Every structure is written in structure tokens, then in C-alpha cells.
N, C-alpha and C. Protein backbone atom coordinates (compact mmCIF):
# COMPACT_ATOMS: atom_id res chain seq x y z
N MET A 1 -3.45 17.69 -32.11
CA MET A 1 -3.08 17.76 -30.85
C MET A 1 -1.62 16.24 -31.15
N SER A 2 -0.29 16.75 -30.20
CA SER A 2 0.84 15.94 -30.35
C SER A 2 0.52 14.27 -29.48
N ASP A 3 0.83 13.66 -29.48
CA ASP A 3 1.15 12.68 -28.93
C ASP A 3 0.89 12.74 -27.29
N SER A 4 2.16 12.67 -26.89
CA SER A 4 2.77 13.71 -25.98
C SER A 4 1.70 14.55 -24.71
N LEU A 5 0.29 14.97 -25.74
CA LEU A 5 -0.34 15.61 -25.22
C LEU A 5 -2.00 15.28 -24.91
N TRP A 6 -1.37 13.59 -25.08
CA TRP A 6 -2.87 12.55 -25.28
C TRP A 6 -3.22 12.81 -24.18
N TYR A 7 -3.72 13.07 -22.79
CA TYR A 7 -3.73 13.61 -21.35
C TYR A 7 -4.92 14.59 -21.43
N LYS A 8 -4.59 15.20 -22.41
CA LYS A 8 -5.50 17.03 -22.32
C LYS A 8 -6.78 16.28 -22.98
N ASP A 9 -7.24 15.54 -23.64
CA ASP A 9 -8.82 15.09 -23.58
C ASP A 9 -8.91 13.59 -23.95
N ALA A 10 -8.14 13.52 -22.85
CA ALA A 10 -8.38 11.87 -22.05
C ALA A 10 -9.61 11.66 -21.70
N ILE A 11 -10.33 10.03 -21.54
CA ILE A 11 -11.76 10.48 -20.50
C ILE A 11 -11.07 8.82 -20.01
N ILE A 12 -10.64 9.31 -18.48
CA ILE A 12 -9.81 8.73 -17.55
C ILE A 12 -10.59 8.01 -16.64
N TYR A 13 -10.38 6.77 -16.25
CA TYR A 13 -11.35 5.65 -15.17
C TYR A 13 -10.30 5.72 -13.91
N GLU A 14 -10.62 6.64 -13.10
CA GLU A 14 -9.86 6.06 -11.86
C GLU A 14 -10.26 5.22 -10.79
N LEU A 15 -9.55 4.20 -10.54
CA LEU A 15 -10.16 3.22 -9.50
C LEU A 15 -9.15 2.43 -8.59
N HIS A 16 -9.49 1.82 -7.49
CA HIS A 16 -8.63 1.33 -6.82
C HIS A 16 -8.33 -0.30 -6.72
N VAL A 17 -7.30 -0.60 -6.99
CA VAL A 17 -7.28 -2.38 -7.41
C VAL A 17 -8.03 -2.88 -6.49
N LYS A 18 -7.63 -3.05 -5.04
CA LYS A 18 -8.34 -3.42 -4.20
C LYS A 18 -9.87 -3.70 -3.88
N THR A 19 -10.62 -2.48 -4.52
CA THR A 19 -12.08 -2.68 -4.50
C THR A 19 -12.88 -2.80 -6.00
N PHE A 20 -12.06 -3.15 -6.68
CA PHE A 20 -12.52 -3.35 -8.56
C PHE A 20 -12.90 -4.38 -8.31
N HIS A 21 -12.07 -5.62 -8.94
CA HIS A 21 -13.08 -7.09 -8.90
C HIS A 21 -11.98 -8.25 -8.40
N ASP A 22 -11.90 -9.20 -7.59
CA ASP A 22 -11.72 -10.19 -7.14
C ASP A 22 -11.10 -11.34 -7.85
N SER A 23 -10.77 -11.62 -8.68
CA SER A 23 -10.21 -13.17 -8.98
C SER A 23 -10.20 -14.32 -8.59
N ASP A 24 -9.87 -14.38 -6.90
CA ASP A 24 -9.60 -15.48 -6.29
C ASP A 24 -10.43 -15.23 -5.11
N ALA A 25 -11.36 -14.72 -5.19
CA ALA A 25 -12.24 -15.05 -4.06
C ALA A 25 -11.70 -14.71 -2.66
N ASP A 26 -10.78 -13.67 -2.70
CA ASP A 26 -9.86 -13.66 -0.78
C ASP A 26 -10.85 -12.62 -0.38
N GLY A 27 -11.37 -11.97 -1.17
CA GLY A 27 -12.40 -10.86 -1.08
C GLY A 27 -10.99 -8.68 -1.25
N ILE A 28 -10.25 -9.19 -1.88
CA ILE A 28 -9.94 -7.68 -2.19
C ILE A 28 -9.35 -7.99 -3.58
N GLY A 29 -9.59 -6.76 -4.33
CA GLY A 29 -9.55 -7.42 -5.91
C GLY A 29 -8.22 -7.21 -5.49
N ASP A 30 -7.96 -7.53 -7.26
CA ASP A 30 -6.19 -7.89 -7.66
C ASP A 30 -6.10 -7.51 -9.25
N PHE A 31 -4.86 -7.24 -9.87
CA PHE A 31 -4.61 -7.13 -11.00
C PHE A 31 -5.06 -8.08 -11.79
N ARG A 32 -5.00 -9.06 -11.47
CA ARG A 32 -6.06 -10.69 -12.71
C ARG A 32 -7.38 -9.92 -12.55
N GLY A 33 -8.04 -9.72 -11.67
CA GLY A 33 -9.48 -9.60 -11.87
C GLY A 33 -9.87 -8.18 -12.68
N LEU A 34 -8.75 -6.97 -12.46
CA LEU A 34 -8.51 -6.08 -13.04
C LEU A 34 -8.49 -6.60 -14.44
N ILE A 35 -7.71 -7.38 -15.14
CA ILE A 35 -7.12 -7.76 -16.54
C ILE A 35 -9.00 -8.72 -17.05
N GLU A 36 -9.87 -9.21 -16.30
CA GLU A 36 -11.03 -9.55 -16.35
C GLU A 36 -11.64 -8.70 -16.74
N LYS A 37 -12.04 -7.09 -16.40
CA LYS A 37 -12.64 -6.65 -16.69
C LYS A 37 -12.37 -5.39 -17.66
N LEU A 38 -11.47 -5.80 -18.23
CA LEU A 38 -10.81 -5.02 -19.26
C LEU A 38 -12.10 -4.29 -20.56
N ASP A 39 -12.30 -5.73 -21.08
CA ASP A 39 -13.29 -5.13 -22.21
C ASP A 39 -14.10 -4.36 -21.47
N TYR A 40 -15.01 -4.40 -19.98
CA TYR A 40 -16.08 -3.48 -19.73
C TYR A 40 -15.53 -2.44 -19.76
N LEU A 41 -14.40 -1.92 -19.21
CA LEU A 41 -14.14 -0.89 -18.92
C LEU A 41 -13.89 -0.21 -20.52
N GLN A 42 -13.12 -1.13 -21.61
CA GLN A 42 -13.42 0.06 -23.07
C GLN A 42 -14.54 -0.57 -23.85
N GLU A 43 -15.59 -1.15 -23.05
CA GLU A 43 -17.13 -0.12 -23.74
C GLU A 43 -17.49 0.99 -23.43
N LEU A 44 -16.85 1.17 -21.84
CA LEU A 44 -17.80 2.64 -21.49
C LEU A 44 -17.25 4.34 -22.22
N GLY A 45 -15.50 3.40 -23.27
CA GLY A 45 -15.43 4.81 -23.93
C GLY A 45 -14.21 5.11 -23.03
N ILE A 46 -13.94 5.00 -22.22
CA ILE A 46 -12.31 5.68 -21.85
C ILE A 46 -11.20 5.53 -22.30
N SER A 47 -10.40 6.20 -22.54
CA SER A 47 -9.10 6.36 -23.01
C SER A 47 -7.70 6.03 -21.85
N ALA A 48 -8.10 5.64 -21.05
CA ALA A 48 -6.95 5.77 -19.19
C ALA A 48 -7.55 5.10 -18.61
N ILE A 49 -6.65 4.20 -17.63
CA ILE A 49 -7.36 3.91 -16.13
C ILE A 49 -5.55 4.57 -15.21
N TRP A 50 -6.24 5.35 -14.49
CA TRP A 50 -5.84 5.51 -13.56
C TRP A 50 -5.82 5.01 -12.45
N LEU A 51 -4.76 4.35 -11.56
CA LEU A 51 -4.73 3.34 -10.80
C LEU A 51 -4.40 3.85 -9.01
N LEU A 52 -5.21 4.20 -8.44
CA LEU A 52 -4.51 4.62 -6.66
C LEU A 52 -3.26 3.79 -6.36
N PRO A 53 -2.52 3.84 -5.36
CA PRO A 53 -1.78 3.28 -4.57
C PRO A 53 -1.69 2.26 -4.90
N PHE A 54 -0.75 1.04 -5.63
CA PHE A 54 -1.21 -0.22 -5.44
C PHE A 54 0.21 -1.01 -4.69
N TYR A 55 1.52 0.00 -4.08
CA TYR A 55 2.56 -0.12 -3.87
C TYR A 55 2.62 -0.86 -2.68
N PRO A 56 3.80 -1.88 -2.05
CA PRO A 56 3.95 -2.36 -0.62
C PRO A 56 3.04 -1.34 0.72
N SER A 57 2.41 -1.84 0.75
CA SER A 57 1.99 -0.54 2.44
C SER A 57 1.63 -1.46 3.71
N PRO A 58 1.58 -0.83 4.77
CA PRO A 58 0.84 -1.31 6.31
C PRO A 58 -0.67 -1.32 5.64
N MET A 59 -0.82 -0.14 5.04
CA MET A 59 -2.71 -0.07 4.66
C MET A 59 -2.67 0.97 5.35
N LYS A 60 -2.41 1.90 6.87
CA LYS A 60 -2.70 2.92 7.54
C LYS A 60 -3.61 3.92 7.07
N ASP A 61 -3.31 4.65 5.41
CA ASP A 61 -3.96 5.51 5.06
C ASP A 61 -4.31 4.94 3.65
N ASP A 62 -4.75 3.70 3.44
CA ASP A 62 -5.31 3.23 2.57
C ASP A 62 -4.34 3.13 1.28
N GLY A 63 -3.08 2.95 1.79
CA GLY A 63 -2.18 2.45 0.34
C GLY A 63 -0.68 3.66 0.00
N TYR A 64 -1.73 5.08 0.83
CA TYR A 64 -0.85 6.19 0.52
C TYR A 64 0.35 6.04 1.65
N ASP A 65 0.28 5.22 2.51
CA ASP A 65 1.50 4.81 3.22
C ASP A 65 2.44 3.87 2.80
N ILE A 66 3.53 4.06 1.77
CA ILE A 66 3.71 3.47 0.46
C ILE A 66 5.28 2.88 1.78
N ALA A 67 5.59 1.65 1.56
CA ALA A 67 6.89 1.36 2.40
C ALA A 67 8.00 0.70 1.19
N ASN A 68 7.40 0.26 -0.03
CA ASN A 68 7.96 0.02 -1.16
C ASN A 68 7.51 0.63 -2.13
N TYR A 69 7.91 1.70 -2.78
CA TYR A 69 7.64 2.26 -4.66
C TYR A 69 7.95 1.72 -6.03
N LEU A 70 8.30 -0.04 -5.90
CA LEU A 70 8.98 -0.34 -6.37
C LEU A 70 8.80 -1.68 -7.38
N ASP A 71 7.63 -2.21 -5.99
CA ASP A 71 6.88 -3.26 -6.12
C ASP A 71 5.49 -2.80 -6.07
N VAL A 72 4.67 -4.45 -6.11
CA VAL A 72 3.45 -4.79 -5.71
C VAL A 72 3.30 -4.95 -4.29
N ASN A 73 1.74 -4.30 -3.86
CA ASN A 73 1.34 -4.77 -2.64
C ASN A 73 0.30 -6.05 -2.83
N PRO A 74 1.39 -7.46 -2.24
CA PRO A 74 0.85 -9.12 -2.71
C PRO A 74 -0.35 -9.27 -2.48
N ASN A 75 -1.08 -8.47 -2.12
CA ASN A 75 -2.09 -8.58 -2.29
C ASN A 75 -3.34 -8.74 -3.25
N TYR A 76 -2.67 -7.81 -4.01
CA TYR A 76 -3.10 -7.12 -5.54
C TYR A 76 -2.44 -8.41 -6.61
N GLY A 77 -1.45 -9.00 -6.34
CA GLY A 77 -0.57 -9.44 -7.19
C GLY A 77 0.53 -9.37 -6.75
N THR A 78 0.99 -9.81 -8.23
CA THR A 78 2.82 -9.98 -8.28
C THR A 78 3.49 -8.21 -9.58
N LEU A 79 4.42 -8.17 -9.70
CA LEU A 79 5.35 -7.39 -11.01
C LEU A 79 4.97 -7.78 -12.32
N ASP A 80 4.84 -9.23 -12.32
CA ASP A 80 4.21 -9.83 -13.73
C ASP A 80 2.72 -9.55 -13.52
N ASP A 81 1.92 -9.74 -13.06
CA ASP A 81 0.47 -9.09 -13.05
C ASP A 81 0.18 -8.21 -13.48
N PHE A 82 0.99 -7.39 -12.52
CA PHE A 82 1.01 -5.89 -13.05
C PHE A 82 0.97 -5.79 -14.29
N ARG A 83 2.43 -6.44 -15.41
CA ARG A 83 2.97 -6.38 -16.70
C ARG A 83 1.63 -6.79 -17.72
N ALA A 84 1.40 -7.71 -17.33
CA ALA A 84 0.19 -8.79 -17.77
C ALA A 84 -0.58 -7.61 -17.78
N PHE A 85 -1.41 -7.83 -16.81
CA PHE A 85 -2.64 -6.05 -16.59
C PHE A 85 -1.74 -5.01 -18.11
N LEU A 86 -0.79 -4.02 -17.81
CA LEU A 86 -0.37 -3.33 -18.37
C LEU A 86 -0.85 -3.99 -20.33
N ASP A 87 0.29 -5.40 -20.78
CA ASP A 87 -0.08 -5.52 -22.11
C ASP A 87 -1.41 -5.16 -22.10
N ALA A 88 -2.31 -5.83 -21.17
CA ALA A 88 -3.30 -6.16 -21.81
C ALA A 88 -4.46 -4.95 -21.83
N ALA A 89 -4.03 -4.65 -21.07
CA ALA A 89 -4.79 -2.68 -21.21
C ALA A 89 -3.67 -2.09 -22.60
N HIS A 90 -3.11 -2.04 -23.27
CA HIS A 90 -2.60 -1.47 -24.47
C HIS A 90 -2.99 -2.41 -25.65
N GLU A 91 -2.78 -3.54 -25.44
CA GLU A 91 -4.05 -4.26 -26.40
C GLU A 91 -5.40 -3.79 -26.53
N ARG A 92 -6.16 -3.34 -25.67
CA ARG A 92 -7.33 -2.57 -26.43
C ARG A 92 -7.06 -1.30 -26.10
N GLY A 93 -5.29 -0.34 -26.68
CA GLY A 93 -5.48 1.13 -26.53
C GLY A 93 -5.77 2.01 -25.08
N LEU A 94 -5.53 1.54 -24.35
CA LEU A 94 -6.08 1.87 -23.36
C LEU A 94 -5.16 2.33 -22.53
N ARG A 95 -4.70 3.52 -22.12
CA ARG A 95 -3.30 3.92 -21.62
C ARG A 95 -3.24 3.19 -20.01
N VAL A 96 -2.31 3.97 -18.91
CA VAL A 96 -2.70 3.84 -17.70
C VAL A 96 -1.36 4.83 -17.06
N ILE A 97 -2.21 5.07 -16.02
CA ILE A 97 -1.63 6.51 -15.34
C ILE A 97 -1.39 5.82 -13.57
N THR A 98 -0.45 5.90 -13.13
CA THR A 98 -0.14 5.42 -11.72
C THR A 98 0.01 6.63 -10.87
N GLU A 99 -0.27 6.53 -10.14
CA GLU A 99 0.40 7.81 -8.93
C GLU A 99 1.48 7.20 -7.88
N LEU A 100 2.73 8.27 -7.88
CA LEU A 100 3.69 8.74 -6.51
C LEU A 100 3.46 9.46 -5.77
N VAL A 101 3.26 8.89 -4.49
CA VAL A 101 3.48 10.00 -3.42
C VAL A 101 4.37 9.98 -2.90
N ILE A 102 4.91 11.26 -3.30
CA ILE A 102 6.39 11.84 -2.84
C ILE A 102 6.37 12.61 -1.62
N ASN A 103 5.97 12.52 -0.89
CA ASN A 103 5.86 13.93 0.61
C ASN A 103 6.06 13.52 1.52
N HIS A 104 5.95 11.58 2.00
CA HIS A 104 5.50 11.26 3.08
C HIS A 104 5.80 9.72 2.57
N THR A 105 6.06 8.73 3.45
CA THR A 105 6.41 7.54 3.18
C THR A 105 5.59 7.16 4.44
N SER A 106 5.28 5.30 5.08
CA SER A 106 5.29 4.55 5.76
C SER A 106 6.47 4.55 6.31
N ASP A 107 6.35 4.49 7.89
CA ASP A 107 7.53 4.56 8.75
C ASP A 107 8.06 3.01 8.81
N GLN A 108 7.06 2.18 7.90
CA GLN A 108 7.96 0.83 7.45
C GLN A 108 8.74 1.12 6.28
N ASN A 109 9.45 1.77 5.87
CA ASN A 109 9.98 2.00 4.90
C ASN A 109 11.32 2.43 4.69
N PRO A 110 12.46 0.94 4.30
CA PRO A 110 13.69 1.25 4.53
C PRO A 110 14.74 2.16 4.91
N TRP A 111 14.03 3.82 3.87
CA TRP A 111 13.88 5.04 4.10
C TRP A 111 14.25 5.38 5.09
N PHE A 112 13.05 5.34 5.63
CA PHE A 112 12.44 6.05 7.57
C PHE A 112 13.50 5.01 8.34
N GLN A 113 13.30 3.85 8.17
CA GLN A 113 14.43 3.52 9.75
C GLN A 113 16.18 3.58 9.06
N LYS A 114 16.16 3.64 7.88
CA LYS A 114 17.97 3.85 7.80
C LYS A 114 17.95 5.51 8.20
N SER A 115 16.85 6.52 8.26
CA SER A 115 17.20 7.63 8.77
C SER A 115 16.89 7.84 10.39
N ARG A 116 15.96 6.95 10.73
CA ARG A 116 15.73 6.50 12.06
C ARG A 116 16.89 6.94 13.26
N ARG A 117 17.67 5.21 12.55
CA ARG A 117 18.99 4.94 13.10
C ARG A 117 20.04 6.24 12.57
N ALA A 118 20.65 6.95 11.73
CA ALA A 118 21.53 7.65 11.34
C ALA A 118 21.65 8.48 12.49
N PRO A 119 22.81 9.43 12.22
CA PRO A 119 23.02 10.34 13.35
C PRO A 119 22.91 12.20 12.76
N PRO A 120 22.89 12.67 13.66
CA PRO A 120 22.14 13.98 12.92
C PRO A 120 23.37 14.57 12.27
N GLY A 121 22.58 15.24 11.05
CA GLY A 121 23.87 16.03 10.14
C GLY A 121 23.97 14.99 9.00
N SER A 122 23.54 13.62 9.29
CA SER A 122 24.16 12.28 8.06
C SER A 122 23.15 13.01 6.65
N PRO A 123 23.59 12.33 5.62
CA PRO A 123 22.45 12.68 4.80
C PRO A 123 21.03 11.91 4.74
N GLU A 124 21.47 10.60 5.37
CA GLU A 124 20.26 9.55 5.34
C GLU A 124 19.39 10.50 6.75
N ARG A 125 19.71 11.41 7.49
CA ARG A 125 19.05 11.49 8.93
C ARG A 125 18.47 12.81 8.29
N GLU A 126 19.16 13.64 6.85
CA GLU A 126 18.50 14.51 7.02
C GLU A 126 17.36 14.54 6.02
N VAL A 127 16.91 13.27 5.08
CA VAL A 127 16.13 12.98 4.38
C VAL A 127 14.73 13.19 5.23
N TYR A 128 14.20 12.50 6.29
CA TYR A 128 13.08 13.24 7.37
C TYR A 128 13.24 14.73 7.62
N VAL A 129 11.97 14.69 7.99
CA VAL A 129 11.39 16.15 9.00
C VAL A 129 11.90 15.38 11.16
N TRP A 130 13.12 15.68 11.28
CA TRP A 130 13.46 15.45 12.26
C TRP A 130 13.80 17.06 13.54
N SER A 131 13.07 16.92 14.99
CA SER A 131 13.60 17.90 15.42
C SER A 131 13.62 17.45 17.00
N ASP A 132 14.21 18.79 17.82
CA ASP A 132 14.29 18.16 19.73
C ASP A 132 13.48 19.30 19.97
N ASN A 133 12.29 19.39 19.77
CA ASN A 133 11.09 20.63 20.30
C ASN A 133 10.17 20.17 19.59
N PRO A 134 9.39 19.51 20.62
CA PRO A 134 8.54 18.60 20.27
C PRO A 134 7.25 19.90 20.36
N GLU A 135 7.67 20.87 20.34
CA GLU A 135 6.69 22.34 20.21
C GLU A 135 6.41 22.57 18.95
N LYS A 136 7.33 22.61 18.14
CA LYS A 136 7.68 23.50 16.75
C LYS A 136 7.44 23.13 15.93
N TYR A 137 6.92 21.97 16.37
CA TYR A 137 5.51 21.85 14.63
C TYR A 137 4.08 21.90 15.29
N GLN A 138 3.72 22.37 16.43
CA GLN A 138 1.59 22.22 17.21
C GLN A 138 1.31 23.20 15.62
N ASP A 139 1.90 23.86 15.36
CA ASP A 139 0.73 24.87 13.32
C ASP A 139 0.67 23.78 12.91
N ALA A 140 1.78 23.35 12.72
CA ALA A 140 1.51 22.40 11.55
C ALA A 140 0.05 21.83 10.83
N ARG A 141 -0.11 22.14 9.65
CA ARG A 141 -1.72 21.38 8.96
C ARG A 141 -1.65 20.22 9.44
N ILE A 142 -2.72 20.17 9.68
CA ILE A 142 -4.02 18.44 10.21
C ILE A 142 -4.91 18.70 9.22
N ILE A 143 -4.91 17.59 8.27
CA ILE A 143 -5.81 17.22 7.11
C ILE A 143 -6.98 16.63 8.23
N PHE A 144 -6.16 15.20 9.05
CA PHE A 144 -7.94 14.75 9.59
C PHE A 144 -7.64 15.17 10.91
N LYS A 145 -8.95 16.16 11.22
CA LYS A 145 -8.69 16.73 12.47
C LYS A 145 -9.37 16.01 13.42
N ASP A 146 -9.39 15.04 13.76
CA ASP A 146 -9.48 13.36 14.35
C ASP A 146 -8.51 13.21 15.25
N LEU A 147 -7.38 13.25 14.51
CA LEU A 147 -5.97 12.84 14.79
C LEU A 147 -5.02 13.70 15.03
N LYS A 148 -4.41 13.56 16.30
CA LYS A 148 -3.52 14.46 16.93
C LYS A 148 -2.00 13.78 16.37
N ARG A 149 -0.67 14.89 16.22
CA ARG A 149 0.66 14.30 15.92
C ARG A 149 1.10 13.32 17.27
N GLN A 150 1.51 12.67 16.31
CA GLN A 150 2.85 11.57 16.92
C GLN A 150 4.34 11.90 16.77
N LEU A 151 4.63 11.70 17.79
CA LEU A 151 6.01 12.07 17.80
C LEU A 151 7.03 10.58 18.49
N VAL A 152 8.43 10.50 17.20
CA VAL A 152 9.01 9.19 17.46
C VAL A 152 10.44 9.46 17.74
N VAL A 153 10.97 8.73 19.10
CA VAL A 153 12.11 8.79 19.53
C VAL A 153 13.05 7.95 18.15
N GLY A 154 13.68 8.89 17.45
CA GLY A 154 15.36 9.00 17.26
C GLY A 154 16.67 8.32 17.65
N SER A 155 17.22 7.65 17.37
CA SER A 155 18.63 7.22 17.51
C SER A 155 19.14 7.83 18.65
N ASP A 156 19.10 9.37 18.92
CA ASP A 156 19.63 10.20 19.70
C ASP A 156 19.21 10.78 20.31
N ARG A 157 17.81 10.20 20.93
CA ARG A 157 16.70 11.12 21.83
C ARG A 157 16.00 12.03 20.71
N GLU A 158 16.23 12.32 19.63
CA GLU A 158 15.07 13.67 19.06
C GLU A 158 14.18 13.09 18.35
N ILE A 159 13.56 13.77 17.93
CA ILE A 159 12.26 12.78 17.76
C ILE A 159 11.76 13.55 16.43
N ILE A 160 10.77 12.82 15.74
CA ILE A 160 10.58 13.35 14.27
C ILE A 160 8.97 13.64 14.46
N LEU A 161 8.22 14.44 13.15
CA LEU A 161 7.33 14.80 13.20
C LEU A 161 6.16 13.93 12.27
N LEU A 162 5.93 13.01 12.55
CA LEU A 162 4.74 12.15 11.56
C LEU A 162 3.51 12.58 10.79
N ALA A 163 3.98 12.59 9.46
CA ALA A 163 3.18 13.28 8.27
C ALA A 163 1.91 13.57 9.31
N SER A 164 1.37 14.73 8.95
CA SER A 164 -0.27 14.93 9.59
C SER A 164 -0.74 14.42 8.83
N LEU A 165 -0.73 13.65 7.82
CA LEU A 165 -1.98 12.53 7.41
C LEU A 165 -2.51 11.35 8.51
N LEU A 166 -1.66 10.63 8.90
CA LEU A 166 -1.64 9.98 9.80
C LEU A 166 -0.29 9.44 10.59
N PHE A 167 -0.36 8.56 11.36
CA PHE A 167 0.57 7.97 12.73
C PHE A 167 1.52 7.87 11.62
N ALA A 168 1.29 6.54 10.89
CA ALA A 168 1.96 5.90 10.30
C ALA A 168 2.69 6.33 9.06
N SER A 169 3.05 7.82 9.02
CA SER A 169 3.57 8.30 7.76
C SER A 169 4.31 9.40 8.80
N ALA A 170 5.83 8.80 7.06
CA ALA A 170 6.98 10.22 8.10
C ALA A 170 7.13 11.36 6.63
N ARG A 171 7.51 12.36 7.17
CA ARG A 171 7.51 13.26 6.09
C ARG A 171 8.43 13.59 5.70
N PHE A 172 8.85 14.01 3.76
CA PHE A 172 10.58 13.95 3.85
C PHE A 172 11.09 15.78 4.16
N GLU A 173 11.93 15.92 4.37
CA GLU A 173 12.43 16.98 5.10
C GLU A 173 12.88 17.72 3.30
N PHE A 174 11.83 18.50 2.64
CA PHE A 174 12.32 18.89 1.50
C PHE A 174 13.02 20.37 1.49
N ARG A 175 12.95 21.11 2.45
CA ARG A 175 13.41 22.79 3.05
C ARG A 175 15.27 21.93 2.74
N GLN A 176 15.50 20.34 3.36
CA GLN A 176 17.12 21.02 3.20
C GLN A 176 17.57 20.08 1.63
N PRO A 177 18.58 21.22 1.41
CA PRO A 177 18.61 21.28 -0.23
C PRO A 177 19.27 20.13 -0.61
N ARG A 178 19.98 18.93 0.03
CA ARG A 178 20.69 17.40 0.03
C ARG A 178 19.11 16.68 -0.19
N CYS A 179 18.44 16.97 0.36
CA CYS A 179 16.83 16.16 0.58
C CYS A 179 16.37 16.36 -0.91
N ALA A 180 15.97 17.75 -1.35
CA ALA A 180 15.12 18.16 -2.54
C ALA A 180 15.64 17.85 -3.43
N ARG A 181 17.37 17.66 -3.72
CA ARG A 181 17.98 17.54 -4.56
C ARG A 181 18.24 15.74 -4.99
N SER A 182 17.87 14.87 -3.78
CA SER A 182 17.79 13.55 -3.94
C SER A 182 16.41 13.12 -3.99
N SER A 183 14.97 14.12 -3.83
CA SER A 183 14.00 13.91 -3.86
C SER A 183 14.26 13.75 -5.44
N ARG A 184 14.19 14.87 -6.25
CA ARG A 184 14.23 15.05 -7.37
C ARG A 184 14.78 13.41 -8.35
N THR A 185 15.53 13.51 -7.84
CA THR A 185 16.28 12.44 -8.50
C THR A 185 15.75 11.10 -8.55
N GLY A 186 15.74 10.78 -7.22
CA GLY A 186 14.54 9.53 -6.69
C GLY A 186 13.28 9.19 -7.00
N LEU A 187 12.66 10.58 -7.89
CA LEU A 187 11.28 10.61 -8.48
C LEU A 187 11.64 10.50 -9.49
N ARG A 188 12.63 10.90 -10.57
CA ARG A 188 12.73 10.50 -12.26
C ARG A 188 13.08 9.24 -12.55
N PHE A 189 13.87 8.63 -10.94
CA PHE A 189 14.27 6.78 -10.89
C PHE A 189 12.95 6.37 -10.91
N LEU A 190 12.07 6.48 -10.21
CA LEU A 190 10.96 5.85 -9.64
C LEU A 190 9.95 5.94 -10.72
N ALA A 191 9.51 7.19 -11.33
CA ALA A 191 9.13 7.40 -12.85
C ALA A 191 9.50 6.13 -13.86
N GLN A 192 10.92 6.61 -14.34
CA GLN A 192 11.50 6.19 -15.26
C GLN A 192 11.28 4.68 -15.06
N SER A 193 11.38 3.60 -13.84
CA SER A 193 11.21 2.92 -13.37
C SER A 193 10.00 2.69 -13.78
N TRP A 194 8.59 2.98 -13.09
CA TRP A 194 7.32 2.81 -13.96
C TRP A 194 6.90 3.14 -15.17
N ARG A 195 7.57 3.91 -15.95
CA ARG A 195 7.71 4.20 -17.56
C ARG A 195 8.15 2.82 -18.33
N ARG A 196 9.18 2.43 -17.29
CA ARG A 196 9.63 1.37 -18.43
C ARG A 196 8.79 0.22 -17.83
N ARG A 197 8.07 -0.11 -17.08
CA ARG A 197 7.37 -0.98 -16.96
C ARG A 197 6.00 -1.29 -17.73
N GLY A 198 5.72 0.39 -18.44
CA GLY A 198 4.47 -0.22 -19.49
C GLY A 198 3.69 1.72 -18.83
N ALA A 199 3.31 1.96 -17.73
CA ALA A 199 2.49 3.19 -17.16
C ALA A 199 3.10 4.32 -18.53
N ALA A 200 1.84 4.79 -18.70
CA ALA A 200 2.07 5.56 -19.52
C ALA A 200 2.25 7.24 -18.84
N ARG A 201 1.72 7.07 -17.82
CA ARG A 201 2.07 8.76 -17.19
C ARG A 201 2.21 8.45 -15.79
N CYS A 202 3.13 8.72 -14.93
CA CYS A 202 3.07 8.89 -13.16
C CYS A 202 2.57 9.99 -12.95
N HIS A 203 1.78 10.28 -11.98
CA HIS A 203 1.53 11.03 -11.18
C HIS A 203 1.93 11.91 -10.21
N PRO A 204 3.30 12.47 -9.87
CA PRO A 204 3.21 12.80 -8.82
C PRO A 204 2.03 13.38 -7.44
N LEU A 205 1.96 12.94 -6.73
CA LEU A 205 0.82 13.26 -4.96
C LEU A 205 1.29 13.91 -4.50
N PRO A 206 1.60 15.39 -4.17
CA PRO A 206 2.59 15.73 -3.35
C PRO A 206 1.16 16.62 -1.69
N LEU A 207 1.25 15.12 -1.16
CA LEU A 207 -0.23 15.44 0.37
C LEU A 207 0.62 15.96 1.48
């Protein structure tokens, strides 16, 4: 089997940095704590570590509401801590998989804030789902049945349907060709950015 297909028979251990091991006794797991446990993980016989989202986030959706795709949540450490973790994992022959959530962002993401201020028809506006009809998406799928849709007023009194996951997530408008093209370009950029930092594989998660 070629090296590019290593994941076909990999033994993967999935974990959330914030709940795995706390190195500084603040009650939150971090990358330094994860480094301390790499020997333990190696002894389990795994070949790869799958990290759940660890990016800056208001944590309304356990980190899946991403505010910045290119940095580390400061509660978990810094980019230098992430690089140190990657180096330590690679020294033990362990690959690292990261998740990229590409269906929606946090409402605190600068892309959403820019879209919210932009005029209708502009490239920035078309990145997210906007409508002037609050009934248009009444049949949209809601994953968590106890949550209700929430609408946010934009710059011109149009409204945005926030993601059916949680109130604080805004959905990308992939039906717009310009958004779809930009999303493919952005996804390649994000994946390449994290792979340059040493991640073995970036897993797009289209929730």
C-alpha cells in the first residue's frame, strides 16, 4: 500500500484537546498536556491522532463554531505549542489528523461580520445564507430538535438564517457559484496551511 493511503489501515485515536490532559491545572486540557501523554498513546498501539476542532471559538457548539481557522484556541495553548505537539507526535511515528468544519462558521468570524455589513449582491454578502423572507427556510433540517431557528438583521434589514446546529453558527451559501468557488479555494488554502504546519491529513466536516 502506498504511503498516500496510510489511513486505510491506520489505528486512529480521536480526542478533544480540552478534555484530554491539563498541564497547568486550570481545568482545561491543552497541547502541552497532550504532549505529556504521547508515550501513553503510543503504548496503546495507535498510528494516528484525530483532533477535534481546536481553533478559536466562542464555544457555543463545543468548538465547531469556528471564529478563526488559522489559529489555536488560547485555552489550549499557542501555535508554538501545536507545533511542539506535532514534532513530538512525529518523533513517535504518530500522524495527526485535524478537522476543518466547512459548512458554517461562528457569528464572531470576521467573514460573517463582513458579510453582515456588506450590501446585497456583493461578493462578501453572498458568502452566507441571506433572505428577506423569514418563512423561506421553515422546513430546513434542525439536528437538535430542542433548538429554534434564530434570525439576525443585516445591514439592509435582510435577515440571515443561522445554522440549524446552534444559534451562534452562520451557514455558507454554497448554492452561489461564487461562494462555491471561493470555498474550494479557501478549503485548499486552509488544508495546505495546516499540512505545512505538520498535520498529516485535514478532514473536511460538512455538518
